[in-house]
Amino acid sequence: MKINFRNILIKIFAFLSNIFWPVANILAAALLATFLYQIGSEYLKQSESAIADGKQVIIDVATNEITIRAVEERQVDVSEGILSESGDGFEPVVQKKKGKSTLGVIITGLGLDKNVTEAAFRMPEEVALGFSPYAEAVNKLVESAYSFGHEPFLNIPMQTYEYPFDDPGPLAIMTNLSKAKNMFRLKAVLSAAEGYVGVIASPKEKVTHSLVNILPVIDEIKKQNAIFVYNEKVSNQFLKQEAFSIGLPVITNYTIIDEELTKEQLSKKLEKIKTMVVNEGLDVIIVGHAYPLTIQVVSNWVQGLKQEGVDIAPISKFIKN
């Protein structure tokens, strides 16, 4: 019998192909994924570095090209000074042009505890009061703040870098929600009261570094003729330029004073703030939370500074018309 080796080899090859072809496909897919990941990682590194340097990043999805360009630097004038940033990204200062330095104080998260809120109303008039959107009768709280001589602010809950461990609640602006849902939440917060001076974002929030999420937010805040207060971790020149272009007054830096809530640590922090204002000639805005200890210590501290002649001003004075 004549053996057709050619047909046998063809059948063996077909048999082996059926076995190993799926494996080859998997290997090819893995190599392709690795290649794309390396490209994506490189884009991400370039983008993060550029954003940290205050540059604008544009990615063309059609050509897969990344463009990095500088954003025109614009200084934001404040009362007799120029807004600036310190080295660590968290210490907020305003470099003075002339005259003596100024201190601004905000207490946030009020309205949830009646006794704490009433104690805040009795603080020195220069202290601004921020009210939680989860409080009852926010409009009455804003009216009461005015009656006691305080500038009222609204807290805008936003997703933080600690989410979901730090849950900002059902009215929070989230980076994973649609524009429509975020706008519904924002309008619910902003419509809770009338006549407030400004709004203040959650400390350590991440929304201001998501342009898709934050640009509709600042447009809505502008409609309320309110000041927008948030705390930059890294320079965000593009957001500041957008705010400038629509005429939205912003304050981008402040110091949180009660992350360590003990009387000793709080006093130490306030002493450092006093040195910055009195000895170093810097304007500073500090933010504390609606804690009984914070309200008590800050009230006494502010009264003492006033007796020493330190200029303590409402937050609106830090914005120059």
C-alpha atoms as a PDB file:
ATOM      1  CA  MET A   1       0.000   0.000   0.000  1.00  0.00           C
ATOM      2  CA  LYS A   2       1.288   3.412  -0.946  1.00  0.00           C
ATOM      3  CA  ILE A   3       1.429   5.851   1.901  1.00  0.00           C
ATOM      4  CA  ASN A   4       0.716   9.491   1.090  1.00  0.00           C
ATOM      5  CA  PHE A   5       3.033  11.265   3.529  1.00  0.00           C
ATOM      6  CA  ARG A   6       1.900  14.664   2.243  1.00  0.00           C
ATOM      7  CA  ASN A   7      -1.713  14.037   3.295  1.00  0.00           C
ATOM      8  CA  ILE A   8      -0.587  12.678   6.652  1.00  0.00           C
ATOM      9  CA  LEU A   9       1.522  15.757   7.341  1.00  0.00           C
ATOM     10  CA  ILE A  10      -1.360  18.007   6.372  1.00  0.00           C
ATOM     11  CA  LYS A  11      -3.685  16.174   8.781  1.00  0.00           C
ATOM     12  CA  ILE A  12      -1.107  16.296  11.583  1.00  0.00           C
ATOM     13  CA  PHE A  13      -0.593  20.010  11.007  1.00  0.00           C
ATOM     14  CA  ALA A  14      -4.350  20.608  11.052  1.00  0.00           C
ATOM     15  CA  PHE A  15      -4.681  18.586  14.262  1.00  0.00           C
ATOM     16  CA  LEU A  16      -1.882  20.525  15.981  1.00  0.00           C
ATOM     17  CA  SER A  17      -3.286  23.826  14.713  1.00  0.00           C
ATOM     18  CA  ASN A  18      -6.639  23.076  16.339  1.00  0.00           C
ATOM     19  CA  ILE A  19      -4.852  22.493  19.616  1.00  0.00           C
ATOM     20  CA  PHE A  20      -2.318  25.320  19.621  1.00  0.00           C
ATOM     21  CA  TRP A  21      -4.083  28.049  17.619  1.00  0.00           C
ATOM     22  CA  PRO A  22      -6.194  29.246  20.616  1.00  0.00           C
ATOM     23  CA  VAL A  23      -3.002  29.402  22.689  1.00  0.00           C
ATOM     24  CA  ALA A  24      -1.352  31.485  19.976  1.00  0.00           C
ATOM     25  CA  ASN A  25      -4.319  33.819  19.954  1.00  0.00           C
ATOM     26  CA  ILE A  26      -4.104  34.247  23.717  1.00  0.00           C
ATOM     27  CA  LEU A  27      -0.371  34.962  23.528  1.00  0.00           C
ATOM     28  CA  ALA A  28      -0.894  37.474  20.737  1.00  0.00           C
ATOM     29  CA  ALA A  29      -3.649  39.199  22.709  1.00  0.00           C
ATOM     30  CA  ALA A  30      -1.442  39.317  25.800  1.00  0.00           C
ATOM     31  CA  LEU A  31       1.419  40.873  23.827  1.00  0.00           C
ATOM     32  CA  LEU A  32      -0.956  43.434  22.317  1.00  0.00           C
ATOM     33  CA  ALA A  33      -2.399  44.299  25.747  1.00  0.00           C
ATOM     34  CA  THR A  34       1.107  44.716  27.172  1.00  0.00           C
ATOM     35  CA  PHE A  35       2.025  47.013  24.290  1.00  0.00           C
ATOM     36  CA  LEU A  36      -1.105  49.129  24.734  1.00  0.00           C
ATOM     37  CA  TYR A  37      -0.573  49.277  28.517  1.00  0.00           C
ATOM     38  CA  GLN A  38       2.978  50.575  28.016  1.00  0.00           C
ATOM     39  CA  ILE A  39       1.694  53.259  25.637  1.00  0.00           C
ATOM     40  CA  GLY A  40      -1.131  54.177  28.016  1.00  0.00           C
ATOM     41  CA  SER A  41       1.243  54.295  30.979  1.00  0.00           C
ATOM     42  CA  GLU A  42       3.528  56.624  29.071  1.00  0.00           C
ATOM     43  CA  TYR A  43       0.581  58.888  28.208  1.00  0.00           C
ATOM     44  CA  LEU A  44      -0.501  58.837  31.839  1.00  0.00           C
ATOM     45  CA  LYS A  45       2.976  59.723  33.127  1.00  0.00           C
ATOM     46  CA  GLN A  46       3.254  62.604  30.658  1.00  0.00           C
ATOM     47  CA  SER A  47      -0.243  63.825  31.499  1.00  0.00           C
ATOM     48  CA  GLU A  48       0.193  63.675  35.289  1.00  0.00           C
ATOM     49  CA  SER A  49       3.553  65.465  35.063  1.00  0.00           C
ATOM     50  CA  ALA A  50       2.111  68.146  32.801  1.00  0.00           C
ATOM     51  CA  ILE A  51      -0.967  68.738  34.985  1.00  0.00           C
ATOM     52  CA  ALA A  52       1.225  68.985  38.080  1.00  0.00           C
ATOM     53  CA  ASP A  53       3.242  71.666  36.259  1.00  0.00           C
ATOM     54  CA  GLY A  54       0.057  73.604  35.523  1.00  0.00           C
ATOM     55  CA  LYS A  55      -0.096  72.708  31.835  1.00  0.00           C
ATOM     56  CA  GLN A  56      -3.031  71.712  29.664  1.00  0.00           C
ATOM     57  CA  VAL A  57      -3.141  68.174  28.268  1.00  0.00           C
ATOM     58  CA  ILE A  58      -5.002  67.379  25.044  1.00  0.00           C
ATOM     59  CA  ILE A  59      -5.312  63.804  23.722  1.00  0.00           C
ATOM     60  CA  ASP A  60      -6.515  63.312  20.152  1.00  0.00           C
ATOM     61  CA  VAL A  61      -8.335  59.964  20.147  1.00  0.00           C
ATOM     62  CA  ALA A  62      -8.357  59.882  16.342  1.00  0.00           C
ATOM     63  CA  THR A  63      -4.570  60.087  15.921  1.00  0.00           C
ATOM     64  CA  ASN A  64      -3.539  58.828  19.394  1.00  0.00           C
ATOM     65  CA  GLU A  65      -1.375  61.933  19.766  1.00  0.00           C
ATOM     66  CA  ILE A  66      -0.887  63.739  23.050  1.00  0.00           C
ATOM     67  CA  THR A  67      -0.347  67.484  23.116  1.00  0.00           C
ATOM     68  CA  ILE A  68       0.960  69.353  26.147  1.00  0.00           C
ATOM     69  CA  ARG A  69       0.884  73.104  26.206  1.00  0.00           C
ATOM     70  CA  ALA A  70       1.405  75.799  28.768  1.00  0.00           C
ATOM     71  CA  VAL A  71      -1.601  77.611  30.178  1.00  0.00           C
ATOM     72  CA  GLU A  72      -1.305  81.355  30.457  1.00  0.00           C
ATOM     73  CA  GLU A  73      -0.583  82.230  34.067  1.00  0.00           C
ATOM     74  CA  ARG A  74      -3.154  84.589  35.545  1.00  0.00           C
ATOM     75  CA  GLN A  75      -2.867  86.023  39.004  1.00  0.00           C
ATOM     76  CA  VAL A  76      -5.986  86.307  41.105  1.00  0.00           C
ATOM     77  CA  ASP A  77      -6.171  89.626  42.916  1.00  0.00           C
ATOM     78  CA  VAL A  78      -7.390  89.599  46.494  1.00  0.00           C
ATOM     79  CA  SER A  79      -7.776  92.332  49.053  1.00  0.00           C
ATOM     80  CA  GLU A  80      -4.493  94.285  48.842  1.00  0.00           C
ATOM     81  CA  GLY A  81      -2.570  91.175  47.824  1.00  0.00           C
ATOM     82  CA  ILE A  82      -1.924  88.412  45.283  1.00  0.00           C
ATOM     83  CA  LEU A  83      -3.015  84.839  45.841  1.00  0.00           C
ATOM     84  CA  SER A  84      -0.030  82.501  46.011  1.00  0.00           C
ATOM     85  CA  GLU A  85       0.872  78.990  47.105  1.00  0.00           C
ATOM     86  CA  SER A  86       3.413  77.702  49.593  1.00  0.00           C
ATOM     87  CA  GLY A  87       5.824  74.855  49.034  1.00  0.00           C
ATOM     88  CA  ASP A  88       3.858  71.971  50.515  1.00  0.00           C
ATOM     89  CA  GLY A  89       0.657  72.667  48.586  1.00  0.00           C
ATOM     90  CA  PHE A  90      -1.505  72.889  51.696  1.00  0.00           C
ATOM     91  CA  GLU A  91      -0.370  75.994  53.546  1.00  0.00           C
ATOM     92  CA  PRO A  92      -2.453  78.806  52.063  1.00  0.00           C
ATOM     93  CA  VAL A  93      -0.896  82.228  51.985  1.00  0.00           C
ATOM     94  CA  VAL A  94      -1.473  85.502  50.223  1.00  0.00           C
ATOM     95  CA  GLN A  95       1.717  87.363  49.500  1.00  0.00           C
ATOM     96  CA  LYS A  96       1.171  90.937  50.594  1.00  0.00           C
ATOM     97  CA  LYS A  97       1.781  93.879  48.322  1.00  0.00           C
ATOM     98  CA  LYS A  98       1.401  96.492  51.043  1.00  0.00           C
ATOM     99  CA  GLY A  99      -0.209  97.130  54.414  1.00  0.00           C
ATOM    100  CA  LYS A 100      -0.584  94.693  57.293  1.00  0.00           C
ATOM    101  CA  SER A 101      -1.551  91.073  56.857  1.00  0.00           C
ATOM    102  CA  THR A 102      -5.030  89.652  57.283  1.00  0.00           C
ATOM    103  CA  LEU A 103      -6.535  86.510  58.787  1.00  0.00           C
ATOM    104  CA  GLY A 104      -9.736  84.816  57.590  1.00  0.00           C
ATOM    105  CA  VAL A 105     -11.585  82.108  59.547  1.00  0.00           C
ATOM    106  CA  ILE A 106     -14.283  79.654  58.412  1.00  0.00           C
ATOM    107  CA  ILE A 107     -16.077  77.049  60.544  1.00  0.00           C
ATOM    108  CA  THR A 108     -17.758  74.396  58.373  1.00  0.00           C
ATOM    109  CA  GLY A 109     -20.254  71.574  58.775  1.00  0.00           C
ATOM    110  CA  LEU A 110     -22.645  73.519  60.972  1.00  0.00           C
ATOM    111  CA  GLY A 111     -26.362  72.920  61.351  1.00  0.00           C
ATOM    112  CA  LEU A 112     -26.321  69.252  62.296  1.00  0.00           C
ATOM    113  CA  ASP A 113     -25.948  69.809  66.029  1.00  0.00           C
ATOM    114  CA  LYS A 114     -28.090  72.534  67.612  1.00  0.00           C
ATOM    115  CA  ASN A 115     -25.788  73.287  70.558  1.00  0.00           C
ATOM    116  CA  VAL A 116     -22.665  73.436  68.402  1.00  0.00           C
ATOM    117  CA  THR A 117     -24.387  75.683  65.853  1.00  0.00           C
ATOM    118  CA  GLU A 118     -25.614  78.079  68.544  1.00  0.00           C
ATOM    119  CA  ALA A 119     -22.085  78.240  69.965  1.00  0.00           C
ATOM    120  CA  ALA A 120     -20.780  79.109  66.489  1.00  0.00           C
ATOM    121  CA  PHE A 121     -23.300  81.951  66.202  1.00  0.00           C
ATOM    122  CA  ARG A 122     -21.730  83.453  69.360  1.00  0.00           C
ATOM    123  CA  MET A 123     -18.222  83.445  67.829  1.00  0.00           C
ATOM    124  CA  PRO A 124     -16.649  86.778  66.804  1.00  0.00           C
ATOM    125  CA  GLU A 125     -18.481  88.300  63.843  1.00  0.00           C
ATOM    126  CA  GLU A 126     -15.447  88.070  61.558  1.00  0.00           C
ATOM    127  CA  VAL A 127     -15.676  84.256  61.563  1.00  0.00           C
ATOM    128  CA  ALA A 128     -17.530  82.902  58.506  1.00  0.00           C
ATOM    129  CA  LEU A 129     -19.937  80.022  59.090  1.00  0.00           C
ATOM    130  CA  GLY A 130     -20.406  77.140  56.634  1.00  0.00           C
ATOM    131  CA  PHE A 131     -23.596  75.083  56.814  1.00  0.00           C
ATOM    132  CA  SER A 132     -24.077  71.452  55.845  1.00  0.00           C
ATOM    133  CA  PRO A 133     -26.657  70.760  53.127  1.00  0.00           C
ATOM    134  CA  TYR A 134     -27.846  67.859  55.282  1.00  0.00           C
ATOM    135  CA  ALA A 135     -28.986  70.234  58.023  1.00  0.00           C
ATOM    136  CA  GLU A 136     -32.641  71.103  58.509  1.00  0.00           C
ATOM    137  CA  ALA A 137     -33.906  74.571  57.507  1.00  0.00           C
ATOM    138  CA  VAL A 138     -30.624  75.713  55.971  1.00  0.00           C
ATOM    139  CA  ASN A 139     -32.243  78.940  54.823  1.00  0.00           C
ATOM    140  CA  LYS A 140     -33.090  79.882  58.433  1.00  0.00           C
ATOM    141  CA  LEU A 141     -29.525  79.059  59.488  1.00  0.00           C
ATOM    142  CA  VAL A 142     -28.177  81.423  56.821  1.00  0.00           C
ATOM    143  CA  GLU A 143     -30.543  84.163  58.013  1.00  0.00           C
ATOM    144  CA  SER A 144     -29.446  83.585  61.612  1.00  0.00           C
ATOM    145  CA  ALA A 145     -25.792  83.833  60.624  1.00  0.00           C
ATOM    146  CA  TYR A 146     -26.445  87.257  59.125  1.00  0.00           C
ATOM    147  CA  SER A 147     -28.352  88.356  62.233  1.00  0.00           C
ATOM    148  CA  PHE A 148     -25.306  87.511  64.366  1.00  0.00           C
ATOM    149  CA  GLY A 149     -23.000  89.388  61.968  1.00  0.00           C
ATOM    150  CA  HIS A 150     -21.387  86.376  60.233  1.00  0.00           C
ATOM    151  CA  GLU A 151     -20.863  85.701  56.539  1.00  0.00           C
ATOM    152  CA  PRO A 152     -22.722  82.462  55.686  1.00  0.00           C
ATOM    153  CA  PHE A 153     -21.356  79.786  53.354  1.00  0.00           C
ATOM    154  CA  LEU A 154     -22.779  76.504  52.088  1.00  0.00           C
ATOM    155  CA  ASN A 155     -20.773  73.295  52.161  1.00  0.00           C
ATOM    156  CA  ILE A 156     -20.723  71.416  48.850  1.00  0.00           C
ATOM    157  CA  PRO A 157     -20.038  67.735  49.566  1.00  0.00           C
ATOM    158  CA  MET A 158     -17.661  66.199  47.036  1.00  0.00           C
ATOM    159  CA  GLN A 159     -15.999  62.854  46.543  1.00  0.00           C
ATOM    160  CA  THR A 160     -12.655  62.708  48.347  1.00  0.00           C
ATOM    161  CA  TYR A 161      -9.569  60.614  47.779  1.00  0.00           C
ATOM    162  CA  GLU A 162     -10.594  58.506  50.791  1.00  0.00           C
ATOM    163  CA  TYR A 163     -13.910  57.424  49.225  1.00  0.00           C
ATOM    164  CA  PRO A 164     -15.685  55.080  50.005  1.00  0.00           C
ATOM    165  CA  PHE A 165     -14.151  55.113  53.505  1.00  0.00           C
ATOM    166  CA  ASP A 166     -15.052  58.821  53.627  1.00  0.00           C
ATOM    167  CA  ASP A 167     -18.656  58.869  52.401  1.00  0.00           C
ATOM    168  CA  PRO A 168     -19.761  62.434  51.462  1.00  0.00           C
ATOM    169  CA  GLY A 169     -23.456  61.509  51.402  1.00  0.00           C
ATOM    170  CA  PRO A 170     -26.287  61.408  48.850  1.00  0.00           C
ATOM    171  CA  LEU A 171     -25.887  65.023  47.697  1.00  0.00           C
ATOM    172  CA  ALA A 172     -22.185  64.763  46.897  1.00  0.00           C
ATOM    173  CA  ILE A 173     -20.641  65.576  43.531  1.00  0.00           C
ATOM    174  CA  MET A 174     -19.019  62.335  42.351  1.00  0.00           C
ATOM    175  CA  THR A 175     -16.509  61.671  39.580  1.00  0.00           C
ATOM    176  CA  ASN A 176     -18.312  58.478  38.545  1.00  0.00           C
ATOM    177  CA  LEU A 177     -21.735  60.080  38.073  1.00  0.00           C
ATOM    178  CA  SER A 178     -23.195  61.635  34.936  1.00  0.00           C
ATOM    179  CA  LYS A 179     -23.333  65.385  34.508  1.00  0.00           C
ATOM    180  CA  ALA A 180     -27.118  65.284  34.855  1.00  0.00           C
ATOM    181  CA  LYS A 181     -27.001  63.490  38.210  1.00  0.00           C
ATOM    182  CA  ASN A 182     -24.267  65.743  39.575  1.00  0.00           C
ATOM    183  CA  MET A 183     -26.158  68.855  38.476  1.00  0.00           C
ATOM    184  CA  PHE A 184     -29.326  67.572  40.145  1.00  0.00           C
ATOM    185  CA  ARG A 185     -27.398  67.154  43.404  1.00  0.00           C
ATOM    186  CA  LEU A 186     -25.629  70.501  43.099  1.00  0.00           C
ATOM    187  CA  LYS A 187     -28.853  72.393  42.447  1.00  0.00           C
ATOM    188  CA  ALA A 188     -30.425  70.715  45.479  1.00  0.00           C
ATOM    189  CA  VAL A 189     -27.535  72.021  47.611  1.00  0.00           C
ATOM    190  CA  LEU A 190     -27.468  75.533  46.152  1.00  0.00           C
ATOM    191  CA  SER A 191     -31.245  75.960  46.362  1.00  0.00           C
ATOM    192  CA  ALA A 192     -31.350  75.093  50.069  1.00  0.00           C
ATOM    193  CA  ALA A 193     -30.853  78.763  50.951  1.00  0.00           C
ATOM    194  CA  GLU A 194     -30.556  82.238  49.480  1.00  0.00           C
ATOM    195  CA  GLY A 195     -28.153  85.092  50.027  1.00  0.00           C
ATOM    196  CA  TYR A 196     -25.096  83.080  51.101  1.00  0.00           C
ATOM    197  CA  VAL A 197     -21.717  84.652  50.385  1.00  0.00           C
ATOM    198  CA  GLY A 198     -20.050  81.570  48.964  1.00  0.00           C
ATOM    199  CA  VAL A 199     -19.668  77.823  48.853  1.00  0.00           C
ATOM    200  CA  ILE A 200     -16.846  75.702  50.170  1.00  0.00           C
ATOM    201  CA  ALA A 201     -15.837  72.307  48.790  1.00  0.00           C
ATOM    202  CA  SER A 202     -15.013  69.302  50.931  1.00  0.00           C
ATOM    203  CA  PRO A 203     -11.404  69.195  52.135  1.00  0.00           C
ATOM    204  CA  LYS A 204      -9.233  66.708  50.208  1.00  0.00           C
ATOM    205  CA  GLU A 205     -11.830  66.399  47.445  1.00  0.00           C
ATOM    206  CA  LYS A 206     -10.817  65.150  44.003  1.00  0.00           C
ATOM    207  CA  VAL A 207     -13.584  66.671  41.869  1.00  0.00           C
ATOM    208  CA  THR A 208     -11.756  69.927  41.105  1.00  0.00           C
ATOM    209  CA  HIS A 209      -9.086  67.909  39.282  1.00  0.00           C
ATOM    210  CA  SER A 210     -11.676  66.307  36.998  1.00  0.00           C
ATOM    211  CA  LEU A 211     -12.431  68.971  34.429  1.00  0.00           C
ATOM    212  CA  VAL A 212     -15.390  67.040  33.033  1.00  0.00           C
ATOM    213  CA  ASN A 213     -17.005  67.130  36.490  1.00  0.00           C
ATOM    214  CA  ILE A 214     -15.962  70.531  37.817  1.00  0.00           C
ATOM    215  CA  LEU A 215     -16.605  72.841  34.837  1.00  0.00           C
ATOM    216  CA  PRO A 216     -20.423  72.494  35.008  1.00  0.00           C
ATOM    217  CA  VAL A 217     -20.141  72.986  38.777  1.00  0.00           C
ATOM    218  CA  ILE A 218     -18.365  76.335  38.569  1.00  0.00           C
ATOM    219  CA  ASP A 219     -20.822  77.496  35.912  1.00  0.00           C
ATOM    220  CA  GLU A 220     -23.695  76.801  38.308  1.00  0.00           C
ATOM    221  CA  ILE A 221     -21.915  78.473  41.242  1.00  0.00           C
ATOM    222  CA  LYS A 222     -21.342  81.564  39.095  1.00  0.00           C
ATOM    223  CA  LYS A 223     -25.115  81.820  38.545  1.00  0.00           C
ATOM    224  CA  GLN A 224     -25.490  82.186  42.327  1.00  0.00           C
ATOM    225  CA  ASN A 225     -22.970  85.096  42.441  1.00  0.00           C
ATOM    226  CA  ALA A 226     -21.089  83.157  45.096  1.00  0.00           C
ATOM    227  CA  ILE A 227     -17.418  82.795  46.000  1.00  0.00           C
ATOM    228  CA  PHE A 228     -15.983  79.308  45.394  1.00  0.00           C
ATOM    229  CA  VAL A 229     -13.577  78.124  48.108  1.00  0.00           C
ATOM    230  CA  TYR A 230     -11.598  74.920  47.604  1.00  0.00           C
ATOM    231  CA  ASN A 231      -8.233  73.574  48.658  1.00  0.00           C
ATOM    232  CA  GLU A 232      -5.684  72.719  45.979  1.00  0.00           C
ATOM    233  CA  LYS A 233      -3.376  69.755  46.505  1.00  0.00           C
ATOM    234  CA  VAL A 234      -1.441  70.572  43.337  1.00  0.00           C
ATOM    235  CA  SER A 235      -1.621  73.617  41.123  1.00  0.00           C
ATOM    236  CA  ASN A 236      -4.679  73.616  38.882  1.00  0.00           C
ATOM    237  CA  GLN A 237      -4.063  76.526  36.546  1.00  0.00           C
ATOM    238  CA  PHE A 238      -6.623  75.386  33.979  1.00  0.00           C
ATOM    239  CA  LEU A 239      -9.456  75.503  36.523  1.00  0.00           C
ATOM    240  CA  LYS A 240      -8.367  78.915  37.776  1.00  0.00           C
ATOM    241  CA  GLN A 241      -8.240  80.195  34.208  1.00  0.00           C
ATOM    242  CA  GLU A 242     -11.744  78.882  33.530  1.00  0.00           C
ATOM    243  CA  ALA A 243     -13.040  80.515  36.723  1.00  0.00           C
ATOM    244  CA  PHE A 244     -11.362  83.773  35.702  1.00  0.00           C
ATOM    245  CA  SER A 245     -12.904  83.619  32.224  1.00  0.00           C
ATOM    246  CA  ILE A 246     -16.462  83.356  33.597  1.00  0.00           C
ATOM    247  CA  GLY A 247     -15.885  85.891  36.369  1.00  0.00           C
ATOM    248  CA  LEU A 248     -16.137  83.425  39.252  1.00  0.00           C
ATOM    249  CA  PRO A 249     -14.214  84.589  42.352  1.00  0.00           C
ATOM    250  CA  VAL A 250     -12.214  81.721  43.829  1.00  0.00           C
ATOM    251  CA  ILE A 251     -10.096  81.140  46.912  1.00  0.00           C
ATOM    252  CA  THR A 252      -7.916  78.128  46.269  1.00  0.00           C
ATOM    253  CA  ASN A 253      -5.947  77.629  49.454  1.00  0.00           C
ATOM    254  CA  TYR A 254      -6.632  77.387  53.151  1.00  0.00           C
ATOM    255  CA  THR A 255      -5.254  75.619  56.203  1.00  0.00           C
ATOM    256  CA  ILE A 256      -7.306  72.989  58.046  1.00  0.00           C
ATOM    257  CA  ILE A 257      -6.601  73.501  61.735  1.00  0.00           C
ATOM    258  CA  ASP A 258      -8.291  70.567  63.483  1.00  0.00           C
ATOM    259  CA  GLU A 259      -7.244  67.387  61.704  1.00  0.00           C
ATOM    260  CA  GLU A 260      -5.665  66.432  65.036  1.00  0.00           C
ATOM    261  CA  LEU A 261      -8.414  67.248  67.501  1.00  0.00           C
ATOM    262  CA  THR A 262      -6.677  67.820  70.805  1.00  0.00           C
ATOM    263  CA  LYS A 263      -6.389  71.125  72.613  1.00  0.00           C
ATOM    264  CA  GLU A 264      -2.585  70.881  72.548  1.00  0.00           C
ATOM    265  CA  GLN A 265      -2.370  70.233  68.784  1.00  0.00           C
ATOM    266  CA  LEU A 266      -5.011  72.833  67.988  1.00  0.00           C
ATOM    267  CA  SER A 267      -3.228  75.486  70.050  1.00  0.00           C
ATOM    268  CA  LYS A 268       0.076  74.607  68.408  1.00  0.00           C
ATOM    269  CA  LYS A 269      -1.448  74.947  64.948  1.00  0.00           C
ATOM    270  CA  LEU A 270      -3.015  78.304  65.789  1.00  0.00           C
ATOM    271  CA  GLU A 271       0.271  79.584  67.192  1.00  0.00           C
ATOM    272  CA  LYS A 272       1.926  78.728  63.878  1.00  0.00           C
ATOM    273  CA  ILE A 273      -0.832  80.595  62.028  1.00  0.00           C
ATOM    274  CA  LYS A 274      -0.324  83.624  64.268  1.00  0.00           C
ATOM    275  CA  THR A 275       3.387  83.636  63.437  1.00  0.00           C
ATOM    276  CA  MET A 276       2.610  83.542  59.715  1.00  0.00           C
ATOM    277  CA  VAL A 277       0.234  86.492  60.004  1.00  0.00           C
ATOM    278  CA  VAL A 278       1.956  88.698  62.601  1.00  0.00           C
ATOM    279  CA  ASN A 279       5.660  87.973  62.091  1.00  0.00           C
ATOM    280  CA  GLU A 280       5.884  86.855  58.466  1.00  0.00           C
ATOM    281  CA  GLY A 281       3.345  89.306  57.063  1.00  0.00           C
ATOM    282  CA  LEU A 282       1.222  86.733  55.283  1.00  0.00           C
ATOM    283  CA  ASP A 283      -2.510  86.631  54.701  1.00  0.00           C
ATOM    284  CA  VAL A 284      -3.956  83.304  55.821  1.00  0.00           C
ATOM    285  CA  ILE A 285      -7.384  81.660  55.665  1.00  0.00           C
ATOM    286  CA  ILE A 286      -8.016  78.862  58.146  1.00  0.00           C
ATOM    287  CA  VAL A 287     -10.838  76.321  58.201  1.00  0.00           C
ATOM    288  CA  GLY A 288     -12.107  74.440  61.227  1.00  0.00           C
ATOM    289  CA  HIS A 289     -14.938  71.973  61.662  1.00  0.00           C
ATOM    290  CA  ALA A 290     -18.098  72.048  63.752  1.00  0.00           C
ATOM    291  CA  TYR A 291     -16.457  70.547  66.831  1.00  0.00           C
ATOM    292  CA  PRO A 292     -17.154  71.998  70.295  1.00  0.00           C
ATOM    293  CA  LEU A 293     -13.414  72.109  71.074  1.00  0.00           C
ATOM    294  CA  THR A 294     -12.594  73.877  67.807  1.00  0.00           C
ATOM    295  CA  ILE A 295     -15.285  76.514  68.343  1.00  0.00           C
ATOM    296  CA  GLN A 296     -14.212  77.166  71.935  1.00  0.00           C
ATOM    297  CA  VAL A 297     -10.474  77.405  71.242  1.00  0.00           C
ATOM    298  CA  VAL A 298     -10.832  79.425  68.029  1.00  0.00           C
ATOM    299  CA  SER A 299     -13.267  81.870  69.636  1.00  0.00           C
ATOM    300  CA  ASN A 300     -10.856  82.660  72.469  1.00  0.00           C
ATOM    301  CA  TRP A 301      -7.920  82.812  70.068  1.00  0.00           C
ATOM    302  CA  VAL A 302      -9.638  85.228  67.679  1.00  0.00           C
ATOM    303  CA  GLN A 303     -10.714  87.490  70.561  1.00  0.00           C
ATOM    304  CA  GLY A 304      -7.115  87.612  71.754  1.00  0.00           C
ATOM    305  CA  LEU A 305      -5.803  88.466  68.287  1.00  0.00           C
ATOM    306  CA  LYS A 306      -8.327  91.281  67.943  1.00  0.00           C
ATOM    307  CA  GLN A 307      -7.126  92.760  71.228  1.00  0.00           C
ATOM    308  CA  GLU A 308      -3.572  92.621  69.871  1.00  0.00           C
ATOM    309  CA  GLY A 309      -4.653  94.561  66.784  1.00  0.00           C
ATOM    310  CA  VAL A 310      -4.427  91.696  64.268  1.00  0.00           C
ATOM    311  CA  ASP A 311      -6.595  92.322  61.207  1.00  0.00           C
ATOM    312  CA  ILE A 312      -9.274  89.596  61.026  1.00  0.00           C
ATOM    313  CA  ALA A 313     -11.511  90.064  58.020  1.00  0.00           C
ATOM    314  CA  PRO A 314     -14.616  88.446  56.518  1.00  0.00           C
ATOM    315  CA  ILE A 315     -13.808  86.049  53.672  1.00  0.00           C
ATOM    316  CA  SER A 316     -15.373  88.355  51.071  1.00  0.00           C
ATOM    317  CA  LYS A 317     -12.638  90.903  51.819  1.00  0.00           C
ATOM    318  CA  PHE A 318     -10.113  88.493  50.314  1.00  0.00           C
ATOM    319  CA  ILE A 319     -11.738  89.016  46.915  1.00  0.00           C
ATOM    320  CA  LYS A 320     -11.035  92.249  45.108  1.00  0.00           C
ATOM    321  CA  ASN A 321     -13.801  93.455  42.800  1.00  0.00           C
END
